[in-house]
Amino acid sequence: ARHSSLHTTLSVLEGLTEYENNGYTYLLSEVQK
């Protein structure tokens, strides 16, 4: 792929944000970026 997808980006965003919100710390700074 050459360009990101809104479909995939939203699904991944929801997952990464839930991960952060539940206090996980592994690679947290990279996740936040």
PDB file of all heavy atoms in Angstrom:
ATOM      1  N   ALA A   1       0.856  -1.189   0.000  1.00  0.00           N
ATOM      2  CA  ALA A   1       0.000   0.000   0.000  1.00  0.00           C
ATOM      3  C   ALA A   1       0.887   1.233   0.000  1.00  0.00           C
ATOM      4  O   ALA A   1       1.981   1.222   0.556  1.00  0.00           O
ATOM      5  CB  ALA A   1      -0.914   0.006   1.219  1.00  0.00           C
ATOM      6  N   ARG A   2       0.409   2.300  -0.627  1.00  0.00           N
ATOM      7  CA  ARG A   2       1.145   3.565  -0.679  1.00  0.00           C
ATOM      8  C   ARG A   2       0.516   4.640   0.198  1.00  0.00           C
ATOM      9  O   ARG A   2       1.162   5.653   0.473  1.00  0.00           O
ATOM     10  CB  ARG A   2       1.205   4.071  -2.129  1.00  0.00           C
ATOM     11  CG  ARG A   2       1.984   3.154  -3.067  1.00  0.00           C
ATOM     12  CD  ARG A   2       2.031   3.754  -4.461  1.00  0.00           C
ATOM     13  NE  ARG A   2       2.796   2.922  -5.387  1.00  0.00           N
ATOM     14  CZ  ARG A   2       2.986   3.208  -6.672  1.00  0.00           C
ATOM     15  NH1 ARG A   2       2.456   4.335  -7.173  1.00  0.00           N
ATOM     16  NH2 ARG A   2       3.695   2.406  -7.440  1.00  0.00           N
ATOM     17  N   HIS A   3      -0.716   4.432   0.610  1.00  0.00           N
ATOM     18  CA  HIS A   3      -1.461   5.463   1.322  1.00  0.00           C
ATOM     19  C   HIS A   3      -2.257   4.785   2.421  1.00  0.00           C
ATOM     20  O   HIS A   3      -2.801   3.694   2.222  1.00  0.00           O
ATOM     21  CB  HIS A   3      -2.401   6.184   0.345  1.00  0.00           C
ATOM     22  CG  HIS A   3      -3.019   7.440   0.894  1.00  0.00           C
ATOM     23  ND1 HIS A   3      -4.182   7.448   1.625  1.00  0.00           N
ATOM     24  CD2 HIS A   3      -2.633   8.744   0.799  1.00  0.00           C
ATOM     25  CE1 HIS A   3      -4.501   8.696   1.959  1.00  0.00           C
ATOM     26  NE2 HIS A   3      -3.574   9.500   1.473  1.00  0.00           N
ATOM     27  N   SER A   4      -2.337   5.410   3.576  1.00  0.00           N
ATOM     28  CA  SER A   4      -3.093   4.821   4.676  1.00  0.00           C
ATOM     29  C   SER A   4      -4.581   4.787   4.365  1.00  0.00           C
ATOM     30  O   SER A   4      -5.090   5.530   3.521  1.00  0.00           O
ATOM     31  CB  SER A   4      -2.850   5.613   5.960  1.00  0.00           C
ATOM     32  OG  SER A   4      -1.543   5.428   6.426  1.00  0.00           O
ATOM     33  N   SER A   5      -5.276   3.914   5.067  1.00  0.00           N
ATOM     34  CA  SER A   5      -6.719   3.718   4.920  1.00  0.00           C
ATOM     35  C   SER A   5      -7.429   4.277   6.142  1.00  0.00           C
ATOM     36  O   SER A   5      -7.019   4.027   7.278  1.00  0.00           O
ATOM     37  CB  SER A   5      -7.007   2.217   4.786  1.00  0.00           C
ATOM     38  OG  SER A   5      -8.330   1.903   5.173  1.00  0.00           O
ATOM     39  N   LEU A   6      -8.522   5.009   5.930  1.00  0.00           N
ATOM     40  CA  LEU A   6      -9.309   5.489   7.057  1.00  0.00           C
ATOM     41  C   LEU A   6      -9.939   4.322   7.820  1.00  0.00           C
ATOM     42  O   LEU A   6     -10.046   4.363   9.044  1.00  0.00           O
ATOM     43  CB  LEU A   6     -10.384   6.462   6.582  1.00  0.00           C
ATOM     44  CG  LEU A   6      -9.871   7.853   6.176  1.00  0.00           C
ATOM     45  CD1 LEU A   6     -10.955   8.636   5.442  1.00  0.00           C
ATOM     46  CD2 LEU A   6      -9.384   8.643   7.385  1.00  0.00           C
ATOM     47  N   HIS A   7     -10.354   3.272   7.089  1.00  0.00           N
ATOM     48  CA  HIS A   7     -10.899   2.084   7.750  1.00  0.00           C
ATOM     49  C   HIS A   7      -9.900   1.538   8.782  1.00  0.00           C
ATOM     50  O   HIS A   7     -10.210   1.386   9.964  1.00  0.00           O
ATOM     51  CB  HIS A   7     -11.181   0.981   6.729  1.00  0.00           C
ATOM     52  CG  HIS A   7     -12.190   1.294   5.694  1.00  0.00           C
ATOM     53  ND1 HIS A   7     -13.525   1.483   5.979  1.00  0.00           N
ATOM     54  CD2 HIS A   7     -12.064   1.423   4.344  1.00  0.00           C
ATOM     55  CE1 HIS A   7     -14.186   1.713   4.847  1.00  0.00           C
ATOM     56  NE2 HIS A   7     -13.322   1.688   3.850  1.00  0.00           N
ATOM     57  N   THR A   8      -8.696   1.226   8.297  1.00  0.00           N
ATOM     58  CA  THR A   8      -7.691   0.601   9.159  1.00  0.00           C
ATOM     59  C   THR A   8      -7.222   1.563  10.235  1.00  0.00           C
ATOM     60  O   THR A   8      -7.055   1.170  11.393  1.00  0.00           O
ATOM     61  CB  THR A   8      -6.486   0.133   8.322  1.00  0.00           C
ATOM     62  OG1 THR A   8      -6.939  -0.665   7.225  1.00  0.00           O
ATOM     63  CG2 THR A   8      -5.523  -0.688   9.167  1.00  0.00           C
ATOM     64  N   THR A   9      -7.007   2.800   9.867  1.00  0.00           N
ATOM     65  CA  THR A   9      -6.484   3.771  10.826  1.00  0.00           C
ATOM     66  C   THR A   9      -7.416   3.928  12.022  1.00  0.00           C
ATOM     67  O   THR A   9      -6.964   3.972  13.171  1.00  0.00           O
ATOM     68  CB  THR A   9      -6.248   5.128  10.143  1.00  0.00           C
ATOM     69  OG1 THR A   9      -5.293   4.954   9.078  1.00  0.00           O
ATOM     70  CG2 THR A   9      -5.713   6.162  11.124  1.00  0.00           C
ATOM     71  N   LEU A  10      -8.728   3.986  11.787  1.00  0.00           N
ATOM     72  CA  LEU A  10      -9.661   4.131  12.903  1.00  0.00           C
ATOM     73  C   LEU A  10      -9.654   2.888  13.793  1.00  0.00           C
ATOM     74  O   LEU A  10      -9.638   3.004  15.021  1.00  0.00           O
ATOM     75  CB  LEU A  10     -11.073   4.411  12.389  1.00  0.00           C
ATOM     76  CG  LEU A  10     -12.131   4.605  13.482  1.00  0.00           C
ATOM     77  CD1 LEU A  10     -11.758   5.737  14.430  1.00  0.00           C
ATOM     78  CD2 LEU A  10     -13.508   4.858  12.861  1.00  0.00           C
ATOM     79  N   SER A  11      -9.643   1.698  13.197  1.00  0.00           N
ATOM     80  CA  SER A  11      -9.628   0.474  14.001  1.00  0.00           C
ATOM     81  C   SER A  11      -8.372   0.400  14.857  1.00  0.00           C
ATOM     82  O   SER A  11      -8.431   0.031  16.041  1.00  0.00           O
ATOM     83  CB  SER A  11      -9.723  -0.760  13.096  1.00  0.00           C
ATOM     84  OG  SER A  11     -11.006  -0.869  12.519  1.00  0.00           O
ATOM     85  N   VAL A  12      -7.229   0.754  14.276  1.00  0.00           N
ATOM     86  CA  VAL A  12      -5.976   0.715  15.030  1.00  0.00           C
ATOM     87  C   VAL A  12      -5.977   1.804  16.109  1.00  0.00           C
ATOM     88  O   VAL A  12      -5.538   1.567  17.247  1.00  0.00           O
ATOM     89  CB  VAL A  12      -4.764   0.848  14.090  1.00  0.00           C
ATOM     90  CG1 VAL A  12      -3.475   1.023  14.887  1.00  0.00           C
ATOM     91  CG2 VAL A  12      -4.666  -0.378  13.185  1.00  0.00           C
ATOM     92  N   LEU A  13      -6.471   2.985  15.773  1.00  0.00           N
ATOM     93  CA  LEU A  13      -6.552   4.074  16.763  1.00  0.00           C
ATOM     94  C   LEU A  13      -7.370   3.661  17.980  1.00  0.00           C
ATOM     95  O   LEU A  13      -6.974   3.915  19.127  1.00  0.00           O
ATOM     96  CB  LEU A  13      -7.191   5.307  16.125  1.00  0.00           C
ATOM     97  CG  LEU A  13      -6.287   6.459  15.714  1.00  0.00           C
ATOM     98  CD1 LEU A  13      -7.111   7.555  15.055  1.00  0.00           C
ATOM     99  CD2 LEU A  13      -5.495   7.014  16.881  1.00  0.00           C
ATOM    100  N   GLU A  14      -8.507   3.042  17.739  1.00  0.00           N
ATOM    101  CA  GLU A  14      -9.347   2.604  18.856  1.00  0.00           C
ATOM    102  C   GLU A  14      -8.595   1.615  19.736  1.00  0.00           C
ATOM    103  O   GLU A  14      -8.681   1.676  20.968  1.00  0.00           O
ATOM    104  CB  GLU A  14     -10.635   1.980  18.318  1.00  0.00           C
ATOM    105  CG  GLU A  14     -11.580   3.005  17.703  1.00  0.00           C
ATOM    106  CD  GLU A  14     -12.761   2.386  16.976  1.00  0.00           C
ATOM    107  OE1 GLU A  14     -12.663   1.207  16.574  1.00  0.00           O
ATOM    108  OE2 GLU A  14     -13.768   3.083  16.790  1.00  0.00           O
ATOM    109  N   GLY A  15      -7.841   0.704  19.105  1.00  0.00           N
ATOM    110  CA  GLY A  15      -7.085  -0.267  19.877  1.00  0.00           C
ATOM    111  C   GLY A  15      -5.948   0.349  20.657  1.00  0.00           C
ATOM    112  O   GLY A  15      -5.765   0.065  21.850  1.00  0.00           O
ATOM    113  N   LEU A  16      -5.163   1.197  20.015  1.00  0.00           N
ATOM    114  CA  LEU A  16      -4.030   1.825  20.695  1.00  0.00           C
ATOM    115  C   LEU A  16      -4.494   2.730  21.832  1.00  0.00           C
ATOM    116  O   LEU A  16      -3.863   2.771  22.900  1.00  0.00           O
ATOM    117  CB  LEU A  16      -3.199   2.628  19.693  1.00  0.00           C
ATOM    118  CG  LEU A  16      -2.462   1.834  18.613  1.00  0.00           C
ATOM    119  CD1 LEU A  16      -1.754   2.783  17.649  1.00  0.00           C
ATOM    120  CD2 LEU A  16      -1.465   0.842  19.203  1.00  0.00           C
ATOM    121  N   THR A  17      -5.590   3.449  21.626  1.00  0.00           N
ATOM    122  CA  THR A  17      -6.094   4.345  22.664  1.00  0.00           C
ATOM    123  C   THR A  17      -6.641   3.555  23.848  1.00  0.00           C
ATOM    124  O   THR A  17      -6.428   3.935  25.005  1.00  0.00           O
ATOM    125  CB  THR A  17      -7.162   5.279  22.086  1.00  0.00           C
ATOM    126  OG1 THR A  17      -6.584   6.045  21.016  1.00  0.00           O
ATOM    127  CG2 THR A  17      -7.707   6.236  23.138  1.00  0.00           C
ATOM    128  N   GLU A  18      -7.333   2.450  23.588  1.00  0.00           N
ATOM    129  CA  GLU A  18      -7.824   1.606  24.677  1.00  0.00           C
ATOM    130  C   GLU A  18      -6.651   1.014  25.461  1.00  0.00           C
ATOM    131  O   GLU A  18      -6.694   0.919  26.692  1.00  0.00           O
ATOM    132  CB  GLU A  18      -8.711   0.488  24.127  1.00  0.00           C
ATOM    133  CG  GLU A  18      -9.517  -0.252  25.177  1.00  0.00           C
ATOM    134  CD  GLU A  18     -10.561   0.614  25.867  1.00  0.00           C
ATOM    135  OE1 GLU A  18     -11.086   1.556  25.246  1.00  0.00           O
ATOM    136  OE2 GLU A  18     -10.863   0.320  27.050  1.00  0.00           O
ATOM    137  N   TYR A  19      -5.610   0.641  24.752  1.00  0.00           N
ATOM    138  CA  TYR A  19      -4.387   0.128  25.379  1.00  0.00           C
ATOM    139  C   TYR A  19      -3.795   1.181  26.316  1.00  0.00           C
ATOM    140  O   TYR A  19      -3.494   0.906  27.481  1.00  0.00           O
ATOM    141  CB  TYR A  19      -3.401  -0.237  24.262  1.00  0.00           C
ATOM    142  CG  TYR A  19      -2.032  -0.691  24.693  1.00  0.00           C
ATOM    143  CD1 TYR A  19      -1.777  -2.023  24.993  1.00  0.00           C
ATOM    144  CD2 TYR A  19      -0.970   0.214  24.748  1.00  0.00           C
ATOM    145  CE1 TYR A  19      -0.495  -2.454  25.355  1.00  0.00           C
ATOM    146  CE2 TYR A  19       0.300  -0.197  25.113  1.00  0.00           C
ATOM    147  CZ  TYR A  19       0.536  -1.535  25.418  1.00  0.00           C
ATOM    148  OH  TYR A  19       1.807  -1.939  25.775  1.00  0.00           O
ATOM    149  N   GLU A  20      -3.670   2.410  25.837  1.00  0.00           N
ATOM    150  CA  GLU A  20      -3.136   3.488  26.666  1.00  0.00           C
ATOM    151  C   GLU A  20      -4.057   3.774  27.857  1.00  0.00           C
ATOM    152  O   GLU A  20      -3.587   3.918  28.999  1.00  0.00           O
ATOM    153  CB  GLU A  20      -2.966   4.754  25.839  1.00  0.00           C
ATOM    154  CG  GLU A  20      -2.444   5.942  26.645  1.00  0.00           C
ATOM    155  CD  GLU A  20      -2.417   7.242  25.864  1.00  0.00           C
ATOM    156  OE1 GLU A  20      -3.146   7.357  24.860  1.00  0.00           O
ATOM    157  OE2 GLU A  20      -1.679   8.155  26.273  1.00  0.00           O
ATOM    158  N   ASN A  21      -5.347   3.822  27.613  1.00  0.00           N
ATOM    159  CA  ASN A  21      -6.297   4.183  28.665  1.00  0.00           C
ATOM    160  C   ASN A  21      -6.349   3.164  29.796  1.00  0.00           C
ATOM    161  O   ASN A  21      -6.748   3.499  30.921  1.00  0.00           O
ATOM    162  CB  ASN A  21      -7.697   4.367  28.086  1.00  0.00           C
ATOM    163  CG  ASN A  21      -7.833   5.637  27.262  1.00  0.00           C
ATOM    164  OD1 ASN A  21      -6.970   6.514  27.315  1.00  0.00           O
ATOM    165  ND2 ASN A  21      -8.901   5.733  26.499  1.00  0.00           N
ATOM    166  N   ASN A  22      -5.965   1.931  29.511  1.00  0.00           N
ATOM    167  CA  ASN A  22      -6.021   0.885  30.530  1.00  0.00           C
ATOM    168  C   ASN A  22      -4.696   0.685  31.262  1.00  0.00           C
ATOM    169  O   ASN A  22      -4.532  -0.294  31.983  1.00  0.00           O
ATOM    170  CB  ASN A  22      -6.509  -0.427  29.914  1.00  0.00           C
ATOM    171  CG  ASN A  22      -8.023  -0.449  29.776  1.00  0.00           C
ATOM    172  OD1 ASN A  22      -8.739  -0.714  30.731  1.00  0.00           O
ATOM    173  ND2 ASN A  22      -8.510  -0.138  28.581  1.00  0.00           N
ATOM    174  N   GLY A  23      -3.775   1.635  31.075  1.00  0.00           N
ATOM    175  CA  GLY A  23      -2.580   1.661  31.905  1.00  0.00           C
ATOM    176  C   GLY A  23      -1.434   0.775  31.471  1.00  0.00           C
ATOM    177  O   GLY A  23      -0.476   0.581  32.226  1.00  0.00           O
ATOM    178  N   TYR A  24      -1.478   0.235  30.262  1.00  0.00           N
ATOM    179  CA  TYR A  24      -0.358  -0.559  29.774  1.00  0.00           C
ATOM    180  C   TYR A  24       0.836   0.359  29.488  1.00  0.00           C
ATOM    181  O   TYR A  24       0.662   1.508  29.057  1.00  0.00           O
ATOM    182  CB  TYR A  24      -0.753  -1.322  28.513  1.00  0.00           C
ATOM    183  CG  TYR A  24      -1.847  -2.348  28.738  1.00  0.00           C
ATOM    184  CD1 TYR A  24      -3.166  -2.083  28.375  1.00  0.00           C
ATOM    185  CD2 TYR A  24      -1.560  -3.591  29.304  1.00  0.00           C
ATOM    186  CE1 TYR A  24      -4.169  -3.020  28.580  1.00  0.00           C
ATOM    187  CE2 TYR A  24      -2.562  -4.536  29.509  1.00  0.00           C
ATOM    188  CZ  TYR A  24      -3.860  -4.245  29.140  1.00  0.00           C
ATOM    189  OH  TYR A  24      -4.856  -5.174  29.347  1.00  0.00           O
ATOM    190  N   THR A  25       2.029  -0.151  29.704  1.00  0.00           N
ATOM    191  CA  THR A  25       3.219   0.696  29.576  1.00  0.00           C
ATOM    192  C   THR A  25       4.196   0.232  28.510  1.00  0.00           C
ATOM    193  O   THR A  25       5.096   0.997  28.130  1.00  0.00           O
ATOM    194  CB  THR A  25       3.967   0.768  30.919  1.00  0.00           C
ATOM    195  OG1 THR A  25       4.357  -0.559  31.323  1.00  0.00           O
ATOM    196  CG2 THR A  25       3.088   1.388  32.000  1.00  0.00           C
ATOM    197  N   TYR A  26       4.065  -0.977  28.003  1.00  0.00           N
ATOM    198  CA  TYR A  26       5.007  -1.489  27.010  1.00  0.00           C
ATOM    199  C   TYR A  26       4.984  -0.619  25.757  1.00  0.00           C
ATOM    200  O   TYR A  26       3.925  -0.404  25.149  1.00  0.00           O
ATOM    201  CB  TYR A  26       4.664  -2.937  26.658  1.00  0.00           C
ATOM    202  CG  TYR A  26       5.530  -3.530  25.571  1.00  0.00           C
ATOM    203  CD1 TYR A  26       6.884  -3.799  25.802  1.00  0.00           C
ATOM    204  CD2 TYR A  26       5.006  -3.807  24.314  1.00  0.00           C
ATOM    205  CE1 TYR A  26       7.684  -4.332  24.805  1.00  0.00           C
ATOM    206  CE2 TYR A  26       5.786  -4.347  23.313  1.00  0.00           C
ATOM    207  CZ  TYR A  26       7.132  -4.604  23.560  1.00  0.00           C
ATOM    208  OH  TYR A  26       7.920  -5.129  22.565  1.00  0.00           O
ATOM    209  N   LEU A  27       6.135  -0.072  25.383  1.00  0.00           N
ATOM    210  CA  LEU A  27       6.291   0.797  24.205  1.00  0.00           C
ATOM    211  C   LEU A  27       5.276   1.941  24.195  1.00  0.00           C
ATOM    212  O   LEU A  27       4.825   2.382  23.131  1.00  0.00           O
ATOM    213  CB  LEU A  27       6.172  -0.015  22.910  1.00  0.00           C
ATOM    214  CG  LEU A  27       7.275  -1.041  22.632  1.00  0.00           C
ATOM    215  CD1 LEU A  27       7.043  -1.732  21.289  1.00  0.00           C
ATOM    216  CD2 LEU A  27       8.658  -0.393  22.641  1.00  0.00           C
ATOM    217  N   LEU A  28       4.959   2.451  25.374  1.00  0.00           N
ATOM    218  CA  LEU A  28       3.900   3.451  25.467  1.00  0.00           C
ATOM    219  C   LEU A  28       4.224   4.718  24.691  1.00  0.00           C
ATOM    220  O   LEU A  28       3.344   5.297  24.044  1.00  0.00           O
ATOM    221  CB  LEU A  28       3.617   3.789  26.932  1.00  0.00           C
ATOM    222  CG  LEU A  28       2.476   4.791  27.176  1.00  0.00           C
ATOM    223  CD1 LEU A  28       1.166   4.298  26.572  1.00  0.00           C
ATOM    224  CD2 LEU A  28       2.307   5.053  28.668  1.00  0.00           C
ATOM    225  N   SER A  29       5.463   5.172  24.736  1.00  0.00           N
ATOM    226  CA  SER A  29       5.783   6.413  24.012  1.00  0.00           C
ATOM    227  C   SER A  29       5.609   6.230  22.511  1.00  0.00           C
ATOM    228  O   SER A  29       5.112   7.140  21.825  1.00  0.00           O
ATOM    229  CB  SER A  29       7.212   6.865  24.336  1.00  0.00           C
ATOM    230  OG  SER A  29       8.164   5.898  23.918  1.00  0.00           O
ATOM    231  N   GLU A  30       5.979   5.047  21.990  1.00  0.00           N
ATOM    232  CA  GLU A  30       5.778   4.774  20.563  1.00  0.00           C
ATOM    233  C   GLU A  30       4.299   4.674  20.226  1.00  0.00           C
ATOM    234  O   GLU A  30       3.848   5.134  19.175  1.00  0.00           O
ATOM    235  CB  GLU A  30       6.505   3.489  20.157  1.00  0.00           C
ATOM    236  CG  GLU A  30       8.023   3.609  20.105  1.00  0.00           C
ATOM    237  CD  GLU A  30       8.673   3.391  21.466  1.00  0.00           C
ATOM    238  OE1 GLU A  30       7.942   3.350  22.492  1.00  0.00           O
ATOM    239  OE2 GLU A  30       9.913   3.266  21.501  1.00  0.00           O
ATOM    240  N   VAL A  31       3.538   4.062  21.125  1.00  0.00           N
ATOM    241  CA  VAL A  31       2.093   3.970  20.942  1.00  0.00           C
ATOM    242  C   VAL A  31       1.476   5.371  20.899  1.00  0.00           C
ATOM    243  O   VAL A  31       0.653   5.672  20.037  1.00  0.00           O
ATOM    244  CB  VAL A  31       1.458   3.128  22.075  1.00  0.00           C
ATOM    245  CG1 VAL A  31      -0.063   3.309  22.112  1.00  0.00           C
ATOM    246  CG2 VAL A  31       1.813   1.657  21.902  1.00  0.00           C
ATOM    247  N   GLN A  32       1.878   6.231  21.802  1.00  0.00           N
ATOM    248  CA  GLN A  32       1.344   7.587  21.839  1.00  0.00           C
ATOM    249  C   GLN A  32       1.691   8.366  20.580  1.00  0.00           C
ATOM    250  O   GLN A  32       0.860   9.138  20.073  1.00  0.00           O
ATOM    251  CB  GLN A  32       1.849   8.308  23.086  1.00  0.00           C
ATOM    252  CG  GLN A  32       1.271   7.752  24.380  1.00  0.00           C
ATOM    253  CD  GLN A  32       1.961   8.270  25.623  1.00  0.00           C
ATOM    254  OE1 GLN A  32       3.144   8.644  25.597  1.00  0.00           O
ATOM    255  NE2 GLN A  32       1.239   8.302  26.742  1.00  0.00           N
ATOM    256  N   LYS A  33       2.887   8.175  20.056  1.00  0.00           N
ATOM    257  CA  LYS A  33       3.265   8.830  18.799  1.00  0.00           C
ATOM    258  C   LYS A  33       2.389   8.352  17.651  1.00  0.00           C
ATOM    259  O   LYS A  33       1.946   9.143  16.807  1.00  0.00           O
ATOM    260  CB  LYS A  33       4.736   8.562  18.493  1.00  0.00           C
ATOM    261  CG  LYS A  33       5.714   9.275  19.409  1.00  0.00           C
ATOM    262  CD  LYS A  33       7.146   8.882  19.070  1.00  0.00           C
ATOM    263  CE  LYS A  33       8.145   9.529  20.038  1.00  0.00           C
ATOM    264  NZ  LYS A  33       9.546   9.079  19.770  1.00  0.00           N
TER     265      LYS A  33
END
